[in-house]
Amino acid sequence: MTVALGQLDLKVRFQRRLETRNARNEVLPAGWSTLAEVMAHRQPVSDGERNAGAQVQRVVTDRLTTHWSSVLAALRGDDQAVADGVTYEIVGVKEIGRRQRLEISVRARRDVEP
């Protein structure tokens, strides 16, 4: 899918988890650091529900298309994206063209009351 500049209508913040160590040298989460804030185009891919233990979770998968950058091309599965108040986990990053665009698959989970 070709995305025109005018279709980049969603501000997305990509973040990486910060870590610290305690006195016993155990790794502890210490918040999130912003890697980049870019404009992207969001395309819904799928949504559904699944059972996880005693809870029903709503699973939403989207595809974010944005300009290529070395920072975004190096995103990992433990990074996250935040857009419109929704936090997404990074599922995959695919280069479109030779360093032209990136297609980033993301997944948001929202707990659903039974």
N, C-alpha and C. Protein backbone atom coordinates (compact mmCIF):
# COMPACT_ATOMS: atom_id res chain seq x y z
N MET A 1 0.83 -1.18 0.00
CA MET A 1 0.00 0.00 0.00
C MET A 1 0.88 1.24 0.00
N THR A 2 0.64 2.15 -0.90
CA THR A 2 1.37 3.39 -0.97
C THR A 2 0.64 4.43 -0.14
N VAL A 3 1.38 5.10 0.73
CA VAL A 3 0.80 6.10 1.61
C VAL A 3 1.34 7.46 1.21
N ALA A 4 0.44 8.39 0.90
CA ALA A 4 0.83 9.75 0.55
C ALA A 4 1.13 10.54 1.81
N LEU A 5 1.90 11.60 1.66
CA LEU A 5 2.26 12.43 2.81
C LEU A 5 1.04 12.92 3.57
N GLY A 6 -0.03 13.25 2.88
CA GLY A 6 -1.24 13.74 3.52
C GLY A 6 -1.95 12.69 4.36
N GLN A 7 -1.64 11.43 4.15
CA GLN A 7 -2.28 10.36 4.92
C GLN A 7 -1.56 10.08 6.23
N LEU A 8 -0.41 10.69 6.45
CA LEU A 8 0.30 10.53 7.72
C LEU A 8 -0.36 11.46 8.73
N ASP A 9 -1.45 10.97 9.33
CA ASP A 9 -2.33 11.82 10.13
C ASP A 9 -2.38 11.45 11.61
N LEU A 10 -1.50 10.57 12.04
CA LEU A 10 -1.52 10.09 13.43
C LEU A 10 -0.15 10.30 14.05
N LYS A 11 -0.10 11.01 15.16
CA LYS A 11 1.17 11.19 15.87
C LYS A 11 1.41 9.98 16.76
N VAL A 12 2.56 9.33 16.57
CA VAL A 12 2.89 8.12 17.31
C VAL A 12 4.21 8.33 18.04
N ARG A 13 4.24 7.94 19.31
CA ARG A 13 5.45 8.01 20.12
C ARG A 13 5.96 6.59 20.33
N PHE A 14 7.19 6.32 19.91
CA PHE A 14 7.80 5.01 20.10
C PHE A 14 8.71 5.07 21.32
N GLN A 15 8.58 4.08 22.19
CA GLN A 15 9.30 4.11 23.46
C GLN A 15 10.04 2.80 23.73
N ARG A 16 11.12 2.91 24.52
CA ARG A 16 11.89 1.74 24.96
C ARG A 16 11.92 1.74 26.48
N ARG A 17 11.79 0.55 27.07
CA ARG A 17 11.76 0.41 28.53
C ARG A 17 13.14 0.73 29.12
N LEU A 18 13.12 1.53 30.18
CA LEU A 18 14.33 1.81 30.94
C LEU A 18 14.42 0.80 32.07
N GLU A 19 15.64 0.43 32.43
CA GLU A 19 15.83 -0.54 33.51
C GLU A 19 16.88 -0.01 34.48
N THR A 20 16.76 -0.47 35.72
CA THR A 20 17.75 -0.17 36.75
C THR A 20 18.01 -1.47 37.50
N ARG A 21 18.99 -1.48 38.35
CA ARG A 21 19.31 -2.67 39.14
C ARG A 21 19.25 -2.33 40.62
N ASN A 22 18.78 -3.30 41.42
CA ASN A 22 18.73 -3.09 42.86
C ASN A 22 20.04 -3.58 43.50
N ALA A 23 20.08 -3.59 44.82
CA ALA A 23 21.29 -3.98 45.55
C ALA A 23 21.69 -5.43 45.28
N ARG A 24 20.74 -6.27 44.90
CA ARG A 24 21.05 -7.68 44.59
C ARG A 24 21.30 -7.88 43.10
N ASN A 25 21.48 -6.76 42.36
CA ASN A 25 21.77 -6.78 40.93
C ASN A 25 20.62 -7.35 40.09
N GLU A 26 19.40 -7.27 40.60
CA GLU A 26 18.23 -7.70 39.86
C GLU A 26 17.75 -6.54 38.98
N VAL A 27 17.32 -6.87 37.77
CA VAL A 27 16.84 -5.84 36.84
C VAL A 27 15.42 -5.44 37.22
N LEU A 28 15.20 -4.13 37.32
CA LEU A 28 13.89 -3.60 37.67
C LEU A 28 13.45 -2.60 36.60
N PRO A 29 12.17 -2.58 36.23
CA PRO A 29 11.70 -1.59 35.26
C PRO A 29 11.78 -0.18 35.87
N ALA A 30 12.14 0.80 35.04
CA ALA A 30 12.30 2.17 35.53
C ALA A 30 11.61 3.17 34.61
N GLY A 31 10.52 2.78 33.97
CA GLY A 31 9.79 3.69 33.11
C GLY A 31 10.11 3.49 31.64
N TRP A 32 9.78 4.51 30.85
CA TRP A 32 9.94 4.44 29.40
C TRP A 32 10.67 5.66 28.89
N SER A 33 11.51 5.48 27.89
CA SER A 33 12.23 6.56 27.23
C SER A 33 11.71 6.69 25.80
N THR A 34 11.45 7.91 25.35
CA THR A 34 10.95 8.13 23.99
C THR A 34 12.10 8.03 23.00
N LEU A 35 11.96 7.12 22.02
CA LEU A 35 12.94 6.95 20.95
C LEU A 35 12.67 7.92 19.82
N ALA A 36 11.41 8.07 19.45
CA ALA A 36 11.04 8.94 18.33
C ALA A 36 9.55 9.27 18.44
N GLU A 37 9.19 10.43 17.90
CA GLU A 37 7.79 10.81 17.78
C GLU A 37 7.60 11.21 16.32
N VAL A 38 6.76 10.44 15.61
CA VAL A 38 6.62 10.62 14.17
C VAL A 38 5.14 10.63 13.77
N MET A 39 4.90 11.06 12.55
CA MET A 39 3.57 10.99 11.98
C MET A 39 3.47 9.66 11.21
N ALA A 40 2.31 9.02 11.32
CA ALA A 40 2.11 7.72 10.68
C ALA A 40 0.68 7.61 10.17
N HIS A 41 0.46 6.57 9.38
CA HIS A 41 -0.88 6.21 8.91
C HIS A 41 -1.24 4.89 9.56
N ARG A 42 -2.42 4.84 10.21
CA ARG A 42 -2.86 3.60 10.87
C ARG A 42 -3.88 2.90 10.00
N GLN A 43 -3.66 1.59 9.81
CA GLN A 43 -4.62 0.76 9.07
C GLN A 43 -5.00 -0.42 9.97
N PRO A 44 -6.28 -0.53 10.34
CA PRO A 44 -6.70 -1.67 11.14
C PRO A 44 -6.50 -2.97 10.36
N VAL A 45 -5.99 -3.99 11.04
CA VAL A 45 -5.76 -5.28 10.39
C VAL A 45 -6.77 -6.30 10.91
N SER A 46 -6.90 -6.41 12.22
CA SER A 46 -7.87 -7.35 12.78
C SER A 46 -8.18 -6.96 14.22
N ASP A 47 -9.30 -7.47 14.70
CA ASP A 47 -9.63 -7.35 16.11
C ASP A 47 -10.38 -8.60 16.51
N GLY A 48 -10.39 -8.85 17.80
CA GLY A 48 -11.06 -10.04 18.28
C GLY A 48 -10.96 -10.13 19.78
N GLU A 49 -11.45 -11.22 20.30
CA GLU A 49 -11.39 -11.47 21.73
C GLU A 49 -10.78 -12.83 21.96
N ARG A 50 -10.09 -12.96 23.10
CA ARG A 50 -9.54 -14.26 23.47
C ARG A 50 -9.61 -14.40 24.98
N ASN A 51 -9.68 -15.62 25.44
CA ASN A 51 -9.71 -15.89 26.87
C ASN A 51 -8.28 -16.04 27.36
N ALA A 52 -7.98 -15.38 28.46
CA ALA A 52 -6.68 -15.49 29.10
C ALA A 52 -6.94 -15.68 30.59
N GLY A 53 -6.82 -16.90 31.04
CA GLY A 53 -7.15 -17.20 32.43
C GLY A 53 -8.64 -17.03 32.62
N ALA A 54 -9.02 -16.23 33.61
CA ALA A 54 -10.44 -16.00 33.88
C ALA A 54 -10.94 -14.73 33.22
N GLN A 55 -10.10 -14.07 32.42
CA GLN A 55 -10.49 -12.81 31.79
C GLN A 55 -10.64 -12.97 30.29
N VAL A 56 -11.50 -12.14 29.74
CA VAL A 56 -11.63 -12.03 28.29
C VAL A 56 -10.88 -10.78 27.89
N GLN A 57 -9.96 -10.90 26.93
CA GLN A 57 -9.19 -9.75 26.48
C GLN A 57 -9.57 -9.41 25.04
N ARG A 58 -9.67 -8.12 24.76
CA ARG A 58 -9.90 -7.65 23.41
C ARG A 58 -8.52 -7.41 22.80
N VAL A 59 -8.27 -8.01 21.64
CA VAL A 59 -6.99 -7.90 20.97
C VAL A 59 -7.20 -7.15 19.65
N VAL A 60 -6.49 -6.03 19.48
CA VAL A 60 -6.59 -5.21 18.29
C VAL A 60 -5.22 -5.17 17.62
N THR A 61 -5.16 -5.50 16.34
CA THR A 61 -3.92 -5.45 15.59
C THR A 61 -4.05 -4.38 14.51
N ASP A 62 -3.07 -3.48 14.47
CA ASP A 62 -3.04 -2.41 13.48
C ASP A 62 -1.70 -2.43 12.76
N ARG A 63 -1.67 -1.75 11.62
CA ARG A 63 -0.43 -1.57 10.87
C ARG A 63 -0.16 -0.08 10.78
N LEU A 64 1.01 0.35 11.24
CA LEU A 64 1.40 1.75 11.16
C LEU A 64 2.41 1.90 10.03
N THR A 65 2.16 2.83 9.11
CA THR A 65 3.09 3.09 8.01
C THR A 65 3.67 4.48 8.23
N THR A 66 5.00 4.58 8.15
CA THR A 66 5.68 5.84 8.35
C THR A 66 6.93 5.91 7.49
N HIS A 67 7.57 7.07 7.47
CA HIS A 67 8.82 7.22 6.74
C HIS A 67 9.89 6.35 7.39
N TRP A 68 10.85 5.89 6.61
CA TRP A 68 11.94 5.07 7.12
C TRP A 68 12.87 5.91 7.98
N SER A 69 13.33 5.34 9.08
CA SER A 69 14.40 5.94 9.88
C SER A 69 15.17 4.80 10.54
N SER A 70 16.44 5.02 10.79
CA SER A 70 17.26 3.97 11.39
C SER A 70 16.76 3.63 12.80
N VAL A 71 16.25 4.61 13.52
CA VAL A 71 15.74 4.37 14.87
C VAL A 71 14.53 3.45 14.82
N LEU A 72 13.58 3.74 13.93
CA LEU A 72 12.37 2.92 13.84
C LEU A 72 12.67 1.55 13.24
N ALA A 73 13.61 1.47 12.32
CA ALA A 73 13.97 0.18 11.71
C ALA A 73 14.55 -0.77 12.76
N ALA A 74 15.06 -0.23 13.85
CA ALA A 74 15.68 -1.05 14.90
C ALA A 74 14.73 -1.32 16.07
N LEU A 75 13.44 -1.07 15.90
CA LEU A 75 12.50 -1.35 16.98
C LEU A 75 12.51 -2.83 17.32
N ARG A 76 12.27 -3.12 18.61
CA ARG A 76 12.28 -4.50 19.11
C ARG A 76 10.90 -4.85 19.67
N GLY A 77 10.71 -6.12 19.93
CA GLY A 77 9.44 -6.60 20.47
C GLY A 77 9.13 -6.11 21.86
N ASP A 78 10.13 -5.67 22.62
CA ASP A 78 9.85 -5.16 23.96
C ASP A 78 9.68 -3.64 23.98
N ASP A 79 9.71 -3.00 22.79
CA ASP A 79 9.41 -1.58 22.68
C ASP A 79 7.90 -1.40 22.59
N GLN A 80 7.44 -0.17 22.67
CA GLN A 80 6.00 0.09 22.56
C GLN A 80 5.75 1.35 21.75
N ALA A 81 4.52 1.46 21.26
CA ALA A 81 4.06 2.64 20.53
C ALA A 81 2.85 3.18 21.28
N VAL A 82 2.75 4.50 21.36
CA VAL A 82 1.61 5.13 22.02
C VAL A 82 0.99 6.11 21.03
N ALA A 83 -0.32 5.96 20.78
CA ALA A 83 -1.03 6.84 19.84
C ALA A 83 -2.48 6.97 20.29
N ASP A 84 -2.98 8.17 20.30
CA ASP A 84 -4.38 8.43 20.69
C ASP A 84 -4.75 7.79 22.03
N GLY A 85 -3.83 7.80 22.98
CA GLY A 85 -4.11 7.26 24.30
C GLY A 85 -4.09 5.74 24.39
N VAL A 86 -3.70 5.07 23.32
CA VAL A 86 -3.63 3.61 23.30
C VAL A 86 -2.17 3.19 23.26
N THR A 87 -1.80 2.22 24.09
CA THR A 87 -0.44 1.69 24.10
C THR A 87 -0.43 0.38 23.34
N TYR A 88 0.50 0.27 22.39
CA TYR A 88 0.61 -0.90 21.53
C TYR A 88 1.95 -1.59 21.77
N GLU A 89 1.96 -2.91 21.70
CA GLU A 89 3.23 -3.62 21.68
C GLU A 89 3.65 -3.81 20.23
N ILE A 90 4.94 -3.79 19.98
CA ILE A 90 5.48 -3.94 18.63
C ILE A 90 5.50 -5.42 18.28
N VAL A 91 4.87 -5.78 17.17
CA VAL A 91 4.82 -7.17 16.72
C VAL A 91 5.86 -7.43 15.64
N GLY A 92 6.05 -6.47 14.74
CA GLY A 92 7.02 -6.65 13.67
C GLY A 92 7.27 -5.35 12.92
N VAL A 93 8.44 -5.28 12.27
CA VAL A 93 8.82 -4.11 11.48
C VAL A 93 9.26 -4.60 10.11
N LYS A 94 8.68 -4.02 9.06
CA LYS A 94 9.00 -4.43 7.69
C LYS A 94 9.35 -3.20 6.87
N GLU A 95 10.46 -3.27 6.15
CA GLU A 95 10.88 -2.17 5.29
C GLU A 95 10.14 -2.25 3.95
N ILE A 96 9.62 -1.12 3.50
CA ILE A 96 8.92 -1.01 2.22
C ILE A 96 9.80 -0.17 1.29
N GLY A 97 10.22 -0.76 0.18
CA GLY A 97 11.15 -0.06 -0.70
C GLY A 97 12.53 -0.01 -0.05
N ARG A 98 13.45 0.61 -0.72
CA ARG A 98 14.81 0.73 -0.18
C ARG A 98 14.88 1.97 0.69
N ARG A 99 14.70 1.77 2.00
CA ARG A 99 14.74 2.86 2.98
C ARG A 99 13.78 4.00 2.64
N GLN A 100 12.57 3.61 2.20
CA GLN A 100 11.54 4.61 1.89
C GLN A 100 10.50 4.70 3.00
N ARG A 101 9.91 3.57 3.36
CA ARG A 101 8.85 3.53 4.36
C ARG A 101 9.08 2.33 5.28
N LEU A 102 8.43 2.38 6.42
CA LEU A 102 8.39 1.24 7.33
C LEU A 102 6.93 0.90 7.61
N GLU A 103 6.66 -0.38 7.69
CA GLU A 103 5.34 -0.88 8.06
C GLU A 103 5.53 -1.59 9.39
N ILE A 104 4.94 -1.04 10.43
CA ILE A 104 5.13 -1.54 11.79
C ILE A 104 3.82 -2.16 12.26
N SER A 105 3.86 -3.46 12.52
CA SER A 105 2.68 -4.16 13.03
C SER A 105 2.66 -4.02 14.54
N VAL A 106 1.51 -3.60 15.07
CA VAL A 106 1.37 -3.37 16.51
C VAL A 106 0.10 -4.05 17.01
N ARG A 107 0.09 -4.35 18.31
CA ARG A 107 -1.07 -5.01 18.90
C ARG A 107 -1.41 -4.32 20.23
N ALA A 108 -2.68 -3.99 20.39
CA ALA A 108 -3.17 -3.40 21.65
C ALA A 108 -4.10 -4.39 22.30
N ARG A 109 -3.98 -4.54 23.60
CA ARG A 109 -4.89 -5.41 24.34
C ARG A 109 -5.65 -4.56 25.32
N ARG A 110 -6.94 -4.76 25.34
CA ARG A 110 -7.78 -4.06 26.31
C ARG A 110 -8.63 -5.11 27.02
N ASP A 111 -8.56 -5.09 28.33
CA ASP A 111 -9.39 -6.05 29.08
C ASP A 111 -10.86 -5.74 28.88
N VAL A 112 -11.64 -6.81 28.72
CA VAL A 112 -13.09 -6.70 28.52
C VAL A 112 -13.76 -7.33 29.73
N GLU A 113 -14.72 -6.63 30.28
CA GLU A 113 -15.43 -7.20 31.43
C GLU A 113 -16.33 -8.33 30.98
N PRO A 114 -16.35 -9.44 31.74
CA PRO A 114 -17.19 -10.59 31.36
C PRO A 114 -18.67 -10.31 31.45
